[in-house]
Amino acid sequence: MNKTPKYHVSQSQTGATLIVVLLFLTLIILVGVIAVRNSMTSLRLATSDQIDTLLLTASDNTNKNIENIINEKKYKNESAKLLGPLGFFGYFMSVGATSNRGDQVIFCYRPRESYFFKMSEATILTASSKSRLIGGADATGGFCQVDSADDFVNARQNVMTQVSVTRPNTLSVPVSPFEHVPLGKTITIEDTTSVSPSFRIHSTSFLPALSNASTDEITECLKKPSENANSFVSGVEEDNPDENTYYGETRNECLTKIGVPAKVVVGEVQLENMNETEKCIEYGKGDSKVSDDCQELLNISASGTPK
């Protein structure tokens, strides 16, 4: 009987296949880590851009609202308050206002309230870095309070805006009260030779929730001036030129230092006398009644008789 020979093949395992698999697995993990890091970086960039847009919009809307109040007739009552002795424009134009150049009228912008501005809720920061209250304002004055829901500009309670209004002397030298109004004319009469008072408005919007700063730290920053007063003249004496200069750090610099995202929009404003005509009676139309605007302006009835 023939027997078939049996052969034995020896096998040697060197582990090369396992090493290759491990290398591929490592590469896959590295690619995943890089992808995650890139996604997080993109997310941070998008968030930063969204924050910047949100703050810019809030500050710009504040300045735009001031412009609308002064220029649009439907806000004439509120406009009269701003231009009056207890308004932030009138403060720099009323009697005795020649010595307050460089002062800053500070208030917290609360668009959800039924009014735009009250001097009783504002603080005057003088050019010598001293603050004072007018009209019975409480201790918080014109500074936004982080723990007050009413001080946020929106119902989501994420953005606050603090406003500073000043009349610097870089664009207009000290003048007598209402010197820009032509002699013997009313303040609503236009005169091309009169001086237009200039103002500077700083609207600082910030997000207190996106920082680890305490309420006290944020409040201390909000008490600082919106800009240094080197360009202001506010009764500085020749023998003491440093008497009326602000302390160096500004509000925005302080907020940046403690890590509070903030954006400042600066507006240069000029008030000008505008000459506008109003037709009180349309002759040949109907019963020629006096228009509603003229009735209110002249305090007369529709027939023209005094009220």
Protein backbone atom coordinates (compact mmCIF):
# COMPACT_ATOMS: atom_id res chain seq x y z
CA MET A 1 0.00 0.00 0.00
CA ASN A 2 1.34 3.38 -1.01
CA LYS A 3 1.18 6.09 1.61
CA THR A 4 0.75 9.71 0.61
CA PRO A 5 3.42 11.79 2.24
CA LYS A 6 2.29 14.65 4.47
CA TYR A 7 3.97 18.00 4.29
CA HIS A 8 3.98 20.60 7.08
CA VAL A 9 4.30 24.26 6.15
CA SER A 10 5.66 26.41 8.94
CA GLN A 11 4.08 29.88 9.35
CA SER A 12 5.86 32.86 10.84
CA GLN A 13 3.76 35.85 12.15
CA THR A 14 5.72 39.07 12.38
CA GLY A 15 2.81 41.41 13.38
CA ALA A 16 3.16 43.68 10.30
CA THR A 17 -0.58 43.61 9.59
CA LEU A 18 -1.39 44.77 13.14
CA ILE A 19 1.04 47.68 12.90
CA VAL A 20 -0.49 48.88 9.62
CA VAL A 21 -3.98 48.76 11.12
CA LEU A 22 -2.82 50.74 14.14
CA LEU A 23 -1.22 53.37 11.89
CA PHE A 24 -4.43 53.79 9.91
CA LEU A 25 -6.41 54.05 13.14
CA THR A 26 -4.02 56.72 14.43
CA LEU A 27 -4.34 58.70 11.20
CA ILE A 28 -8.14 58.54 11.40
CA ILE A 29 -8.05 59.80 15.00
CA LEU A 30 -5.71 62.67 14.04
CA VAL A 31 -7.96 63.68 11.15
CA GLY A 32 -10.97 63.67 13.49
CA VAL A 33 -9.18 65.80 16.10
CA ILE A 34 -8.11 68.32 13.45
CA ALA A 35 -11.66 68.49 12.09
CA VAL A 36 -13.10 69.09 15.57
CA ARG A 37 -10.55 71.83 16.29
CA ASN A 38 -11.30 73.57 13.00
CA SER A 39 -15.04 73.39 13.72
CA MET A 40 -14.55 74.90 17.19
CA THR A 41 -12.39 77.69 15.74
CA SER A 42 -15.03 78.47 13.13
CA LEU A 43 -17.69 78.51 15.84
CA ARG A 44 -15.65 80.94 17.94
CA LEU A 45 -15.15 83.21 14.94
CA ALA A 46 -18.86 83.16 14.14
CA THR A 47 -19.77 83.89 17.76
CA SER A 48 -17.30 86.79 17.91
CA ASP A 49 -18.75 88.25 14.74
CA GLN A 50 -22.29 87.90 16.08
CA ILE A 51 -21.33 89.64 19.33
CA ASP A 52 -19.69 92.48 17.45
CA THR A 53 -22.75 92.93 15.23
CA LEU A 54 -25.12 92.84 18.20
CA LEU A 55 -23.17 95.48 20.13
CA LEU A 56 -22.71 97.70 17.09
CA THR A 57 -26.43 97.58 16.31
CA ALA A 58 -27.37 98.44 19.89
CA SER A 59 -25.02 101.45 20.03
CA ASP A 60 -25.97 102.69 16.58
CA ASN A 61 -29.69 102.43 17.32
CA THR A 62 -29.21 104.63 20.38
CA ASN A 63 -27.58 107.42 18.40
CA LYS A 64 -30.17 107.04 15.64
CA ASN A 65 -33.01 107.41 18.14
CA ILE A 66 -31.54 110.68 19.41
CA GLU A 67 -31.40 111.96 15.83
CA ASN A 68 -35.01 110.94 15.18
CA ILE A 69 -36.27 112.61 18.36
CA ILE A 70 -34.74 115.95 17.33
CA ASN A 71 -35.62 115.81 13.63
CA GLU A 72 -39.07 114.21 13.49
CA LYS A 73 -42.18 116.18 14.43
CA LYS A 74 -43.94 113.26 16.06
CA TYR A 75 -41.35 113.38 18.86
CA LYS A 76 -41.66 117.13 19.47
CA ASN A 77 -42.58 116.72 23.14
CA GLU A 78 -39.55 114.54 23.81
CA SER A 79 -37.41 116.86 21.69
CA ALA A 80 -38.46 119.83 23.81
CA LYS A 81 -37.27 117.95 26.90
CA LEU A 82 -33.84 117.25 25.42
CA LEU A 83 -33.42 120.89 24.37
CA GLY A 84 -34.81 122.26 27.63
CA PRO A 85 -32.83 123.11 30.78
CA LEU A 86 -33.28 119.54 32.08
CA GLY A 87 -32.21 117.89 28.82
CA PHE A 88 -28.71 116.78 27.90
CA PHE A 89 -28.56 119.31 25.05
CA GLY A 90 -30.17 122.12 27.01
CA TYR A 91 -27.76 121.56 29.89
CA PHE A 92 -24.96 122.92 27.70
CA MET A 93 -26.99 125.83 26.29
CA SER A 94 -28.92 127.23 29.24
CA VAL A 95 -27.93 130.07 31.55
CA GLY A 96 -24.62 129.38 33.25
CA ALA A 97 -23.63 126.74 30.73
CA THR A 98 -20.47 128.51 29.55
CA SER A 99 -18.42 126.87 32.30
CA ASN A 100 -19.54 123.26 31.79
CA ARG A 101 -17.63 122.44 28.60
CA GLY A 102 -16.11 119.00 28.95
CA ASP A 103 -18.79 117.78 31.36
CA GLN A 104 -20.51 114.52 30.45
CA VAL A 105 -24.21 113.84 30.94
CA ILE A 106 -24.39 110.08 31.55
CA PHE A 107 -27.53 107.96 31.46
CA CYS A 108 -28.55 104.34 30.89
CA TYR A 109 -30.53 103.86 27.68
CA ARG A 110 -33.83 102.11 28.43
CA PRO A 111 -35.82 101.84 25.16
CA ARG A 112 -38.55 99.76 26.79
CA GLU A 113 -39.56 102.71 28.98
CA SER A 114 -42.18 105.25 27.87
CA TYR A 115 -39.58 108.05 27.83
CA PHE A 116 -36.12 108.48 26.36
CA PHE A 117 -34.35 110.61 28.96
CA LYS A 118 -34.84 112.02 32.44
CA MET A 119 -32.28 114.24 34.12
CA SER A 120 -33.43 112.76 37.42
CA GLU A 121 -32.00 109.43 36.21
CA ALA A 122 -28.70 110.84 34.95
CA THR A 123 -25.31 111.75 36.38
CA ILE A 124 -23.12 114.70 35.45
CA LEU A 125 -19.44 113.76 35.29
CA THR A 126 -17.43 116.98 35.42
CA ALA A 127 -14.13 117.65 33.71
CA SER A 128 -12.39 117.40 37.08
CA SER A 129 -13.54 113.75 37.41
CA LYS A 130 -16.21 114.55 39.98
CA SER A 131 -19.79 113.32 39.62
CA ARG A 132 -22.96 115.01 40.74
CA LEU A 133 -26.67 114.31 40.54
CA ILE A 134 -29.44 116.64 39.34
CA GLY A 135 -33.15 116.54 40.04
CA GLY A 136 -33.20 114.03 42.87
CA ALA A 137 -31.45 111.13 41.13
CA ASP A 138 -30.71 108.17 43.39
CA ALA A 139 -27.28 106.78 44.21
CA THR A 140 -27.08 104.69 41.04
CA GLY A 141 -27.56 107.81 38.91
CA GLY A 142 -27.04 107.35 35.20
CA PHE A 143 -25.02 104.16 35.45
CA CYS A 144 -26.56 100.92 34.15
CA GLN A 145 -27.11 98.34 36.88
CA VAL A 146 -26.25 94.77 35.90
CA ASP A 147 -28.72 93.35 38.42
CA SER A 148 -31.63 95.46 37.11
CA ALA A 149 -33.74 93.86 34.38
CA ASP A 150 -35.11 97.26 33.33
CA ASP A 151 -31.62 98.50 32.42
CA PHE A 152 -31.20 96.04 29.54
CA VAL A 153 -32.13 97.27 26.07
CA ASN A 154 -34.05 94.10 25.23
CA ALA A 155 -36.29 91.55 26.89
CA ARG A 156 -33.62 88.86 26.55
CA GLN A 157 -31.54 90.84 29.07
CA ASN A 158 -28.19 90.43 27.36
CA VAL A 159 -27.19 93.91 26.17
CA MET A 160 -26.86 97.20 28.05
CA THR A 161 -26.12 100.64 26.60
CA GLN A 162 -24.76 103.59 28.55
CA VAL A 163 -24.74 107.00 26.87
CA SER A 164 -22.52 110.02 27.44
CA VAL A 165 -23.26 113.44 25.94
CA THR A 166 -20.73 116.26 26.08
CA ARG A 167 -20.06 119.58 24.42
CA PRO A 168 -16.33 119.86 23.75
CA ASN A 169 -14.54 123.07 22.93
CA THR A 170 -12.57 121.63 20.04
CA LEU A 171 -15.30 122.68 17.60
CA SER A 172 -16.79 125.70 19.36
CA VAL A 173 -15.24 128.19 21.76
CA PRO A 174 -17.14 129.19 24.91
CA VAL A 175 -20.10 131.37 24.00
CA SER A 176 -22.88 133.12 25.83
CA PRO A 177 -26.07 131.15 26.42
CA PHE A 178 -28.13 130.93 23.21
CA GLU A 179 -25.60 133.13 21.39
CA HIS A 180 -26.25 131.03 18.28
CA VAL A 181 -29.82 132.38 18.22
CA PRO A 182 -30.13 135.61 16.12
CA LEU A 183 -30.85 138.71 18.18
CA GLY A 184 -34.55 139.57 18.20
CA LYS A 185 -35.52 136.26 16.59
CA THR A 186 -36.98 133.06 17.94
CA ILE A 187 -34.92 129.90 18.26
CA THR A 188 -36.79 128.36 15.31
CA ILE A 189 -35.63 131.05 12.85
CA GLU A 190 -32.76 130.15 10.59
CA ASP A 191 -29.73 132.41 10.42
CA THR A 192 -26.74 131.35 8.34
CA THR A 193 -24.44 133.62 10.35
CA SER A 194 -25.29 132.05 13.71
CA VAL A 195 -23.15 129.44 15.42
CA SER A 196 -24.38 125.84 15.50
CA PRO A 197 -23.58 124.22 18.86
CA SER A 198 -21.63 120.97 18.52
CA PHE A 199 -21.92 117.92 20.74
CA ARG A 200 -20.30 114.51 21.01
CA ILE A 201 -22.31 111.39 21.89
CA HIS A 202 -20.71 108.13 23.07
CA SER A 203 -22.99 105.09 23.15
CA THR A 204 -21.28 102.17 24.88
CA SER A 205 -23.01 98.79 24.54
CA PHE A 206 -21.72 95.79 26.47
CA LEU A 207 -22.56 92.17 27.36
CA PRO A 208 -22.04 91.67 31.12
CA ALA A 209 -23.02 87.97 31.02
CA LEU A 210 -20.09 87.05 28.75
CA SER A 211 -17.47 87.85 31.38
CA ASN A 212 -16.41 86.71 34.82
CA ALA A 213 -16.28 90.27 36.12
CA SER A 214 -18.26 91.08 39.24
CA THR A 215 -21.09 93.61 39.37
CA ASP A 216 -18.93 96.00 41.38
CA GLU A 217 -16.11 95.81 38.83
CA ILE A 218 -18.47 96.59 35.94
CA THR A 219 -20.07 99.46 37.87
CA GLU A 220 -16.66 100.99 38.57
CA CYS A 221 -15.88 100.91 34.84
CA LEU A 222 -19.21 102.54 33.98
CA LYS A 223 -18.37 105.44 36.30
CA LYS A 224 -15.33 106.34 34.21
CA PRO A 225 -15.48 108.99 31.43
CA SER A 226 -16.16 108.03 27.84
CA GLU A 227 -13.00 109.81 26.69
CA ASN A 228 -10.06 111.71 28.07
CA ALA A 229 -10.60 115.44 28.43
CA ASN A 230 -7.30 116.60 26.94
CA SER A 231 -9.23 118.25 24.09
CA PHE A 232 -11.70 119.98 26.42
CA VAL A 233 -11.40 123.41 28.01
CA SER A 234 -13.44 123.74 31.17
CA GLY A 235 -12.19 126.71 33.13
CA VAL A 236 -8.61 125.48 33.42
CA GLU A 237 -6.45 127.96 35.29
CA GLU A 238 -3.15 129.01 33.75
CA ASP A 239 -1.17 128.35 36.94
CA ASN A 240 -2.57 124.82 37.23
CA PRO A 241 -3.08 123.31 33.75
CA ASP A 242 -3.75 119.83 35.17
CA GLU A 243 -6.67 120.91 37.32
CA ASN A 244 -9.44 119.89 34.96
CA THR A 245 -8.21 116.72 33.28
CA TYR A 246 -9.85 113.34 33.57
CA TYR A 247 -8.13 110.39 35.16
CA GLY A 248 -6.48 108.41 32.41
CA GLU A 249 -8.55 105.24 31.94
CA THR A 250 -11.71 105.51 29.85
CA ARG A 251 -14.89 103.46 30.23
CA ASN A 252 -14.24 101.23 27.23
CA GLU A 253 -10.61 100.59 28.24
CA CYS A 254 -11.76 99.55 31.71
CA LEU A 255 -14.43 97.17 30.36
CA THR A 256 -11.87 95.62 28.00
CA LYS A 257 -9.41 95.13 30.86
CA ILE A 258 -11.91 93.13 32.96
CA GLY A 259 -13.01 91.07 29.94
CA VAL A 260 -16.45 92.54 29.23
CA PRO A 261 -17.26 92.63 25.46
CA ALA A 262 -18.10 96.24 24.57
CA LYS A 263 -18.55 98.45 21.52
CA VAL A 264 -18.57 102.27 21.41
CA VAL A 265 -20.19 104.33 18.67
CA VAL A 266 -19.19 108.01 18.68
CA GLY A 267 -21.43 110.56 17.00
CA GLU A 268 -20.59 114.19 16.27
CA VAL A 269 -23.80 116.22 16.46
CA GLN A 270 -24.64 119.78 15.41
CA LEU A 271 -27.88 121.52 16.29
CA GLU A 272 -29.03 123.96 13.62
CA ASN A 273 -31.94 126.39 13.50
CA MET A 274 -34.32 125.41 10.75
CA ASN A 275 -36.83 127.79 9.19
CA GLU A 276 -40.01 125.91 8.36
CA THR A 277 -43.31 127.37 7.21
CA GLU A 278 -46.73 126.08 8.16
CA LYS A 279 -49.91 126.90 6.29
CA CYS A 280 -52.48 127.70 8.93
CA ILE A 281 -55.40 128.26 6.55
CA GLU A 282 -56.00 126.79 3.10
CA TYR A 283 -57.89 129.60 1.36
CA GLY A 284 -60.62 128.55 -1.04
CA LYS A 285 -60.90 125.09 0.48
CA GLY A 286 -63.83 124.22 2.68
CA ASP A 287 -64.53 126.51 5.60
CA SER A 288 -60.88 127.71 5.93
CA LYS A 289 -60.31 126.29 9.39
CA VAL A 290 -56.96 126.78 11.11
CA SER A 291 -54.77 123.69 10.83
CA ASP A 292 -54.22 121.48 13.87
CA ASP A 293 -50.50 122.32 14.04
CA CYS A 294 -51.19 126.06 14.03
CA GLN A 295 -53.88 125.64 16.66
CA GLU A 296 -51.39 124.00 18.96
CA LEU A 297 -48.57 126.39 18.09
CA LEU A 298 -50.60 129.60 18.53
CA ASN A 299 -52.96 128.26 21.18
CA ILE A 300 -56.05 129.19 19.17
CA SER A 301 -59.19 127.40 18.12
CA ALA A 302 -60.04 126.15 14.64
CA SER A 303 -61.82 129.44 13.93
CA GLY A 304 -58.80 131.50 14.96
CA THR A 305 -60.03 132.74 18.34
CA PRO A 306 -57.76 132.50 21.39
CA LYS A 307 -58.42 129.52 23.63
